[in-house]
């Protein structure tokens, strides 16, 4: 029985691993380490396991060589500079303009911001500083990946703009996230606002809470008709 066990163990080793020339091969600095690793794999998996591993390695090598290997599975260290340049060049494009639509079914804290603008305008109406106003929240269209840019808002002649809040809305694992954006007054134009947006990812949207007020008889203007908007 002991002889059979030894025979079975030896049958799992690579051929001629006990020969003198095999020992000489193991003594070669780089090749020896490779052969030693192969020998250990063969001892653990057997010849059939070793062959299956080699076939898998060859198959993977063919996929990589033919360009069929998925890009996410290749380390960035193995990508050529031209590949990295193409990736960075295709990702970010500044939007030409921002198309706004009213933010319906907004979170309660958005309603609080609108209420604050309305309360402030009601006080101005009592002081006869304004005749009327409209306060709403608006969302931009979904953006493509974009580099840093600024959003400049103003009002048409005869109207006054107030920007209460600005956010970048993104999504992560199905959950909406809101990043507050800084609101700056444009120097020399107190009725205009500049909002540095920073970089945006695909699907991001911009959110603003604003009020347009006026003095005089303008009827019932559309708030977006009284708003000016551009991307810098």
C-alpha atoms as a PDB file:
ATOM      1  CA  UNK A   1       0.000   0.000   0.000  1.00  0.00           C
ATOM      2  CA  UNK A   2       2.889   2.392   0.744  1.00  0.00           C
ATOM      3  CA  UNK A   3       4.312   1.743  -2.733  1.00  0.00           C
ATOM      4  CA  UNK A   4       0.956   2.530  -4.334  1.00  0.00           C
ATOM      5  CA  UNK A   5       0.717   5.798  -2.393  1.00  0.00           C
ATOM      6  CA  UNK A   6       4.192   6.823  -3.561  1.00  0.00           C
ATOM      7  CA  UNK A   7       3.325   5.901  -7.125  1.00  0.00           C
ATOM      8  CA  UNK A   8       0.165   8.003  -6.953  1.00  0.00           C
ATOM      9  CA  UNK A   9       2.041  11.005  -5.574  1.00  0.00           C
ATOM     10  CA  UNK A  10       4.774  10.726  -8.211  1.00  0.00           C
ATOM     11  CA  UNK A  11       2.179  10.513 -10.989  1.00  0.00           C
ATOM     12  CA  UNK A  12       1.085  14.044 -10.023  1.00  0.00           C
ATOM     13  CA  UNK A  13       4.576  15.524 -10.585  1.00  0.00           C
ATOM     14  CA  UNK A  14       5.854  16.900 -13.898  1.00  0.00           C
ATOM     15  CA  UNK A  15       7.871  14.348 -15.915  1.00  0.00           C
ATOM     16  CA  UNK A  16      11.489  13.824 -14.915  1.00  0.00           C
ATOM     17  CA  UNK A  17      11.297  16.098 -11.847  1.00  0.00           C
ATOM     18  CA  UNK A  18      13.598  13.691 -10.072  1.00  0.00           C
ATOM     19  CA  UNK A  19      16.249  13.643 -12.839  1.00  0.00           C
ATOM     20  CA  UNK A  20      19.594  15.401 -12.572  1.00  0.00           C
ATOM     21  CA  UNK A  21      18.906  17.838 -15.428  1.00  0.00           C
ATOM     22  CA  UNK A  22      15.678  18.932 -13.708  1.00  0.00           C
ATOM     23  CA  UNK A  23      17.744  19.915 -10.682  1.00  0.00           C
ATOM     24  CA  UNK A  24      20.087  21.853 -12.942  1.00  0.00           C
ATOM     25  CA  UNK A  25      17.132  23.702 -14.487  1.00  0.00           C
ATOM     26  CA  UNK A  26      15.857  24.642 -11.028  1.00  0.00           C
ATOM     27  CA  UNK A  27      19.242  26.186 -10.300  1.00  0.00           C
ATOM     28  CA  UNK A  28      18.858  28.733 -13.136  1.00  0.00           C
ATOM     29  CA  UNK A  29      17.888  32.075 -11.435  1.00  0.00           C
ATOM     30  CA  UNK A  30      14.682  33.072 -13.262  1.00  0.00           C
ATOM     31  CA  UNK A  31      13.706  29.878 -15.057  1.00  0.00           C
ATOM     32  CA  UNK A  32      14.230  27.883 -11.884  1.00  0.00           C
ATOM     33  CA  UNK A  33      11.676  29.903  -9.939  1.00  0.00           C
ATOM     34  CA  UNK A  34       9.127  29.519 -12.750  1.00  0.00           C
ATOM     35  CA  UNK A  35       9.649  25.751 -12.941  1.00  0.00           C
ATOM     36  CA  UNK A  36       9.515  25.482  -9.161  1.00  0.00           C
ATOM     37  CA  UNK A  37       6.147  27.289  -9.158  1.00  0.00           C
ATOM     38  CA  UNK A  38       4.872  24.954 -11.885  1.00  0.00           C
ATOM     39  CA  UNK A  39       6.035  21.964  -9.860  1.00  0.00           C
ATOM     40  CA  UNK A  40       4.183  23.184  -6.755  1.00  0.00           C
ATOM     41  CA  UNK A  41       1.008  23.750  -8.772  1.00  0.00           C
ATOM     42  CA  UNK A  42       1.272  20.300 -10.258  1.00  0.00           C
ATOM     43  CA  UNK A  43       1.735  18.767  -6.816  1.00  0.00           C
ATOM     44  CA  UNK A  44      -1.360  20.584  -5.537  1.00  0.00           C
ATOM     45  CA  UNK A  45      -3.648  20.298  -8.593  1.00  0.00           C
ATOM     46  CA  UNK A  46      -2.207  17.371 -10.503  1.00  0.00           C
ATOM     47  CA  UNK A  47      -1.256  17.335 -14.190  1.00  0.00           C
ATOM     48  CA  UNK A  48      -4.877  17.811 -15.322  1.00  0.00           C
ATOM     49  CA  UNK A  49      -5.273  20.882 -13.102  1.00  0.00           C
ATOM     50  CA  UNK A  50      -1.984  22.297 -14.375  1.00  0.00           C
ATOM     51  CA  UNK A  51      -3.074  21.827 -17.993  1.00  0.00           C
ATOM     52  CA  UNK A  52      -6.437  23.506 -17.297  1.00  0.00           C
ATOM     53  CA  UNK A  53      -4.625  26.492 -15.761  1.00  0.00           C
ATOM     54  CA  UNK A  54      -2.278  26.778 -18.751  1.00  0.00           C
ATOM     55  CA  UNK A  55      -5.209  26.629 -21.171  1.00  0.00           C
ATOM     56  CA  UNK A  56      -6.977  29.374 -19.231  1.00  0.00           C
ATOM     57  CA  UNK A  57      -3.833  31.513 -19.279  1.00  0.00           C
ATOM     58  CA  UNK A  58      -3.425  31.079 -23.041  1.00  0.00           C
ATOM     59  CA  UNK A  59      -7.108  31.913 -23.602  1.00  0.00           C
ATOM     60  CA  UNK A  60      -6.810  35.104 -21.524  1.00  0.00           C
ATOM     61  CA  UNK A  61      -3.633  36.081 -23.382  1.00  0.00           C
ATOM     62  CA  UNK A  62      -5.427  35.669 -26.722  1.00  0.00           C
ATOM     63  CA  UNK A  63      -8.267  37.924 -25.514  1.00  0.00           C
ATOM     64  CA  UNK A  64      -5.839  40.625 -24.411  1.00  0.00           C
ATOM     65  CA  UNK A  65      -3.816  40.414 -27.626  1.00  0.00           C
ATOM     66  CA  UNK A  66      -6.922  40.570 -29.837  1.00  0.00           C
ATOM     67  CA  UNK A  67      -8.370  43.536 -27.921  1.00  0.00           C
ATOM     68  CA  UNK A  68     -11.383  41.592 -26.622  1.00  0.00           C
ATOM     69  CA  UNK A  69     -10.404  41.780 -22.934  1.00  0.00           C
ATOM     70  CA  UNK A  70     -12.748  44.194 -21.055  1.00  0.00           C
ATOM     71  CA  UNK A  71     -11.157  47.598 -20.455  1.00  0.00           C
ATOM     72  CA  UNK A  72     -12.082  47.622 -16.755  1.00  0.00           C
ATOM     73  CA  UNK A  73     -10.054  44.459 -16.193  1.00  0.00           C
ATOM     74  CA  UNK A  74      -6.814  46.000 -17.474  1.00  0.00           C
ATOM     75  CA  UNK A  75      -4.654  47.903 -15.009  1.00  0.00           C
ATOM     76  CA  UNK A  76      -4.147  51.572 -15.835  1.00  0.00           C
ATOM     77  CA  UNK A  77      -0.389  50.892 -15.592  1.00  0.00           C
ATOM     78  CA  UNK A  78      -0.661  48.608 -18.645  1.00  0.00           C
ATOM     79  CA  UNK A  79      -2.545  51.139 -20.778  1.00  0.00           C
ATOM     80  CA  UNK A  80      -0.578  53.100 -23.308  1.00  0.00           C
ATOM     81  CA  UNK A  81      -0.361  56.914 -23.015  1.00  0.00           C
ATOM     82  CA  UNK A  82      -2.518  57.215 -26.138  1.00  0.00           C
ATOM     83  CA  UNK A  83      -5.309  55.189 -24.483  1.00  0.00           C
ATOM     84  CA  UNK A  84      -5.241  57.454 -21.431  1.00  0.00           C
ATOM     85  CA  UNK A  85      -5.295  60.564 -23.634  1.00  0.00           C
ATOM     86  CA  UNK A  86      -8.338  59.294 -25.534  1.00  0.00           C
ATOM     87  CA  UNK A  87     -10.194  58.565 -22.283  1.00  0.00           C
ATOM     88  CA  UNK A  88      -9.481  61.994 -20.814  1.00  0.00           C
ATOM     89  CA  UNK A  89     -10.241  63.769 -24.101  1.00  0.00           C
ATOM     90  CA  UNK A  90     -13.685  62.191 -24.522  1.00  0.00           C
ATOM     91  CA  UNK A  91     -15.019  62.622 -21.033  1.00  0.00           C
ATOM     92  CA  UNK A  92     -15.787  66.270 -20.355  1.00  0.00           C
ATOM     93  CA  UNK A  93     -17.644  68.814 -22.506  1.00  0.00           C
ATOM     94  CA  UNK A  94     -18.937  72.146 -21.235  1.00  0.00           C
ATOM     95  CA  UNK A  95     -22.684  72.581 -21.937  1.00  0.00           C
ATOM     96  CA  UNK A  96     -23.620  75.271 -24.466  1.00  0.00           C
ATOM     97  CA  UNK A  97     -26.623  76.316 -22.398  1.00  0.00           C
ATOM     98  CA  UNK A  98     -28.800  75.150 -19.543  1.00  0.00           C
ATOM     99  CA  UNK A  99     -32.451  74.346 -20.195  1.00  0.00           C
ATOM    100  CA  UNK A 100     -34.592  74.812 -17.081  1.00  0.00           C
ATOM    101  CA  UNK A 101     -37.818  73.210 -15.973  1.00  0.00           C
ATOM    102  CA  UNK A 102     -39.764  73.680 -12.763  1.00  0.00           C
ATOM    103  CA  UNK A 103     -38.751  71.290  -9.990  1.00  0.00           C
ATOM    104  CA  UNK A 104     -42.027  69.629  -9.067  1.00  0.00           C
ATOM    105  CA  UNK A 105     -42.403  67.291  -6.075  1.00  0.00           C
ATOM    106  CA  UNK A 106     -39.295  68.886  -4.564  1.00  0.00           C
ATOM    107  CA  UNK A 107     -38.013  67.913  -1.102  1.00  0.00           C
ATOM    108  CA  UNK A 108     -39.472  69.814   1.853  1.00  0.00           C
ATOM    109  CA  UNK A 109     -36.296  71.821   2.380  1.00  0.00           C
ATOM    110  CA  UNK A 110     -36.698  73.247  -1.135  1.00  0.00           C
ATOM    111  CA  UNK A 111     -40.191  74.398  -0.163  1.00  0.00           C
ATOM    112  CA  UNK A 112     -38.658  76.078   2.897  1.00  0.00           C
ATOM    113  CA  UNK A 113     -36.282  78.055   0.669  1.00  0.00           C
ATOM    114  CA  UNK A 114     -39.155  79.147  -1.557  1.00  0.00           C
ATOM    115  CA  UNK A 115     -41.158  80.180   1.524  1.00  0.00           C
ATOM    116  CA  UNK A 116     -38.202  82.292   2.717  1.00  0.00           C
ATOM    117  CA  UNK A 117     -38.095  84.134  -0.633  1.00  0.00           C
ATOM    118  CA  UNK A 118     -41.848  84.674  -0.550  1.00  0.00           C
ATOM    119  CA  UNK A 119     -41.767  86.029   3.012  1.00  0.00           C
ATOM    120  CA  UNK A 120     -39.003  88.469   2.086  1.00  0.00           C
ATOM    121  CA  UNK A 121     -40.939  89.636  -0.985  1.00  0.00           C
ATOM    122  CA  UNK A 122     -44.159  90.069   1.004  1.00  0.00           C
ATOM    123  CA  UNK A 123     -42.297  92.467   3.299  1.00  0.00           C
ATOM    124  CA  UNK A 124     -41.044  94.390   0.266  1.00  0.00           C
ATOM    125  CA  UNK A 125     -44.594  94.583  -1.085  1.00  0.00           C
ATOM    126  CA  UNK A 126     -45.800  96.090   2.166  1.00  0.00           C
ATOM    127  CA  UNK A 127     -43.017  98.665   1.877  1.00  0.00           C
ATOM    128  CA  UNK A 128     -44.062  99.209  -1.760  1.00  0.00           C
ATOM    129  CA  UNK A 129     -40.612  98.304  -3.021  1.00  0.00           C
ATOM    130  CA  UNK A 130     -42.062  95.713  -5.420  1.00  0.00           C
ATOM    131  CA  UNK A 131     -45.479  95.192  -6.973  1.00  0.00           C
ATOM    132  CA  UNK A 132     -45.401  91.420  -7.309  1.00  0.00           C
ATOM    133  CA  UNK A 133     -43.087  88.402  -7.506  1.00  0.00           C
ATOM    134  CA  UNK A 134     -42.757  84.741  -8.442  1.00  0.00           C
ATOM    135  CA  UNK A 135     -40.582  82.282  -6.468  1.00  0.00           C
ATOM    136  CA  UNK A 136     -39.853  78.767  -7.732  1.00  0.00           C
ATOM    137  CA  UNK A 137     -37.235  76.014  -7.895  1.00  0.00           C
ATOM    138  CA  UNK A 138     -35.830  74.939 -11.258  1.00  0.00           C
ATOM    139  CA  UNK A 139     -33.794  71.999 -12.516  1.00  0.00           C
ATOM    140  CA  UNK A 140     -31.530  71.936 -15.548  1.00  0.00           C
ATOM    141  CA  UNK A 141     -31.444  69.163 -18.098  1.00  0.00           C
ATOM    142  CA  UNK A 142     -29.287  66.118 -17.415  1.00  0.00           C
ATOM    143  CA  UNK A 143     -25.696  67.020 -18.193  1.00  0.00           C
ATOM    144  CA  UNK A 144     -23.007  65.164 -20.042  1.00  0.00           C
ATOM    145  CA  UNK A 145     -19.670  64.862 -18.217  1.00  0.00           C
ATOM    146  CA  UNK A 146     -18.424  68.448 -18.018  1.00  0.00           C
ATOM    147  CA  UNK A 147     -15.285  70.277 -16.860  1.00  0.00           C
ATOM    148  CA  UNK A 148     -15.376  73.170 -14.430  1.00  0.00           C
ATOM    149  CA  UNK A 149     -17.605  76.028 -15.572  1.00  0.00           C
ATOM    150  CA  UNK A 150     -19.645  78.897 -14.143  1.00  0.00           C
ATOM    151  CA  UNK A 151     -23.356  79.597 -14.462  1.00  0.00           C
ATOM    152  CA  UNK A 152     -24.253  83.291 -14.710  1.00  0.00           C
ATOM    153  CA  UNK A 153     -27.839  84.355 -13.955  1.00  0.00           C
ATOM    154  CA  UNK A 154     -29.479  87.744 -14.369  1.00  0.00           C
ATOM    155  CA  UNK A 155     -32.831  89.350 -15.048  1.00  0.00           C
ATOM    156  CA  UNK A 156     -34.421  91.165 -17.984  1.00  0.00           C
ATOM    157  CA  UNK A 157     -34.924  94.963 -17.760  1.00  0.00           C
ATOM    158  CA  UNK A 158     -37.664  95.893 -15.277  1.00  0.00           C
ATOM    159  CA  UNK A 159     -37.214  92.729 -13.185  1.00  0.00           C
ATOM    160  CA  UNK A 160     -35.106  91.946 -10.125  1.00  0.00           C
ATOM    161  CA  UNK A 161     -33.540  88.522  -9.458  1.00  0.00           C
ATOM    162  CA  UNK A 162     -32.851  86.907  -6.085  1.00  0.00           C
ATOM    163  CA  UNK A 163     -31.049  83.546  -5.905  1.00  0.00           C
ATOM    164  CA  UNK A 164     -31.613  81.767  -2.623  1.00  0.00           C
ATOM    165  CA  UNK A 165     -29.960  78.364  -3.181  1.00  0.00           C
ATOM    166  CA  UNK A 166     -27.980  76.487  -5.833  1.00  0.00           C
ATOM    167  CA  UNK A 167     -27.075  72.797  -5.890  1.00  0.00           C
ATOM    168  CA  UNK A 168     -25.577  70.140  -8.100  1.00  0.00           C
ATOM    169  CA  UNK A 169     -27.846  67.098  -8.047  1.00  0.00           C
ATOM    170  CA  UNK A 170     -26.213  63.732  -8.640  1.00  0.00           C
ATOM    171  CA  UNK A 171     -27.125  60.113  -8.073  1.00  0.00           C
ATOM    172  CA  UNK A 172     -25.206  57.363  -6.334  1.00  0.00           C
ATOM    173  CA  UNK A 173     -26.552  53.821  -5.975  1.00  0.00           C
ATOM    174  CA  UNK A 174     -30.060  55.061  -6.763  1.00  0.00           C
ATOM    175  CA  UNK A 175     -29.974  57.794  -4.122  1.00  0.00           C
ATOM    176  CA  UNK A 176     -30.199  61.503  -4.967  1.00  0.00           C
ATOM    177  CA  UNK A 177     -27.379  63.648  -3.607  1.00  0.00           C
ATOM    178  CA  UNK A 178     -27.331  67.461  -3.460  1.00  0.00           C
ATOM    179  CA  UNK A 179     -24.067  69.399  -3.297  1.00  0.00           C
ATOM    180  CA  UNK A 180     -24.503  73.040  -2.317  1.00  0.00           C
ATOM    181  CA  UNK A 181     -22.874  75.498  -4.724  1.00  0.00           C
ATOM    182  CA  UNK A 182     -21.473  78.919  -3.884  1.00  0.00           C
ATOM    183  CA  UNK A 183     -23.504  81.915  -5.059  1.00  0.00           C
ATOM    184  CA  UNK A 184     -21.496  85.031  -5.914  1.00  0.00           C
ATOM    185  CA  UNK A 185     -22.629  88.533  -6.798  1.00  0.00           C
ATOM    186  CA  UNK A 186     -21.216  89.724 -10.125  1.00  0.00           C
ATOM    187  CA  UNK A 187     -18.989  92.749  -9.536  1.00  0.00           C
ATOM    188  CA  UNK A 188     -20.470  95.858 -11.161  1.00  0.00           C
ATOM    189  CA  UNK A 189     -23.802  94.131 -11.795  1.00  0.00           C
ATOM    190  CA  UNK A 190     -25.676  93.656  -8.487  1.00  0.00           C
ATOM    191  CA  UNK A 191     -28.672  92.107 -10.264  1.00  0.00           C
ATOM    192  CA  UNK A 192     -26.501  89.255 -11.626  1.00  0.00           C
ATOM    193  CA  UNK A 193     -25.184  86.121  -9.919  1.00  0.00           C
ATOM    194  CA  UNK A 194     -22.288  83.811 -10.727  1.00  0.00           C
ATOM    195  CA  UNK A 195     -22.359  80.178  -9.603  1.00  0.00           C
ATOM    196  CA  UNK A 196     -19.080  78.202  -9.941  1.00  0.00           C
ATOM    197  CA  UNK A 197     -20.244  74.690 -10.756  1.00  0.00           C
ATOM    198  CA  UNK A 198     -17.053  72.621 -10.859  1.00  0.00           C
ATOM    199  CA  UNK A 199     -16.869  69.325 -12.735  1.00  0.00           C
ATOM    200  CA  UNK A 200     -20.041  67.369 -13.479  1.00  0.00           C
ATOM    201  CA  UNK A 201     -20.611  63.694 -14.172  1.00  0.00           C
ATOM    202  CA  UNK A 202     -23.013  62.165 -16.647  1.00  0.00           C
ATOM    203  CA  UNK A 203     -26.609  62.583 -15.508  1.00  0.00           C
ATOM    204  CA  UNK A 204     -25.917  65.422 -13.052  1.00  0.00           C
ATOM    205  CA  UNK A 205     -28.406  68.308 -12.940  1.00  0.00           C
ATOM    206  CA  UNK A 206     -28.214  71.836 -11.557  1.00  0.00           C
ATOM    207  CA  UNK A 207     -30.845  73.144  -9.157  1.00  0.00           C
ATOM    208  CA  UNK A 208     -31.628  76.761  -8.293  1.00  0.00           C
ATOM    209  CA  UNK A 209     -34.210  78.362  -6.011  1.00  0.00           C
ATOM    210  CA  UNK A 210     -34.944  81.884  -7.267  1.00  0.00           C
ATOM    211  CA  UNK A 211     -37.374  84.759  -7.128  1.00  0.00           C
ATOM    212  CA  UNK A 212     -38.203  87.265  -9.841  1.00  0.00           C
ATOM    213  CA  UNK A 213     -39.868  90.459  -8.582  1.00  0.00           C
ATOM    214  CA  UNK A 214     -40.940  93.641 -10.336  1.00  0.00           C
ATOM    215  CA  UNK A 215     -42.499  97.023  -9.787  1.00  0.00           C
ATOM    216  CA  UNK A 216     -45.154  98.212 -12.181  1.00  0.00           C
ATOM    217  CA  UNK A 217     -47.745  96.538 -14.348  1.00  0.00           C
ATOM    218  CA  UNK A 218     -46.159  93.551 -16.081  1.00  0.00           C
ATOM    219  CA  UNK A 219     -49.268  91.372 -15.884  1.00  0.00           C
ATOM    220  CA  UNK A 220     -48.365  87.748 -15.130  1.00  0.00           C
ATOM    221  CA  UNK A 221     -44.961  87.171 -16.758  1.00  0.00           C
ATOM    222  CA  UNK A 222     -43.357  83.760 -17.066  1.00  0.00           C
ATOM    223  CA  UNK A 223     -40.440  83.621 -14.677  1.00  0.00           C
ATOM    224  CA  UNK A 224     -38.146  82.032 -17.261  1.00  0.00           C
ATOM    225  CA  UNK A 225     -38.914  84.852 -19.715  1.00  0.00           C
ATOM    226  CA  UNK A 226     -37.627  87.349 -17.143  1.00  0.00           C
ATOM    227  CA  UNK A 227     -34.494  85.277 -16.373  1.00  0.00           C
ATOM    228  CA  UNK A 228     -31.232  85.477 -18.312  1.00  0.00           C
ATOM    229  CA  UNK A 229     -28.827  82.564 -18.197  1.00  0.00           C
ATOM    230  CA  UNK A 230     -25.439  81.753 -19.747  1.00  0.00           C
ATOM    231  CA  UNK A 231     -22.560  79.344 -19.261  1.00  0.00           C
ATOM    232  CA  UNK A 232     -19.014  80.693 -18.840  1.00  0.00           C
END
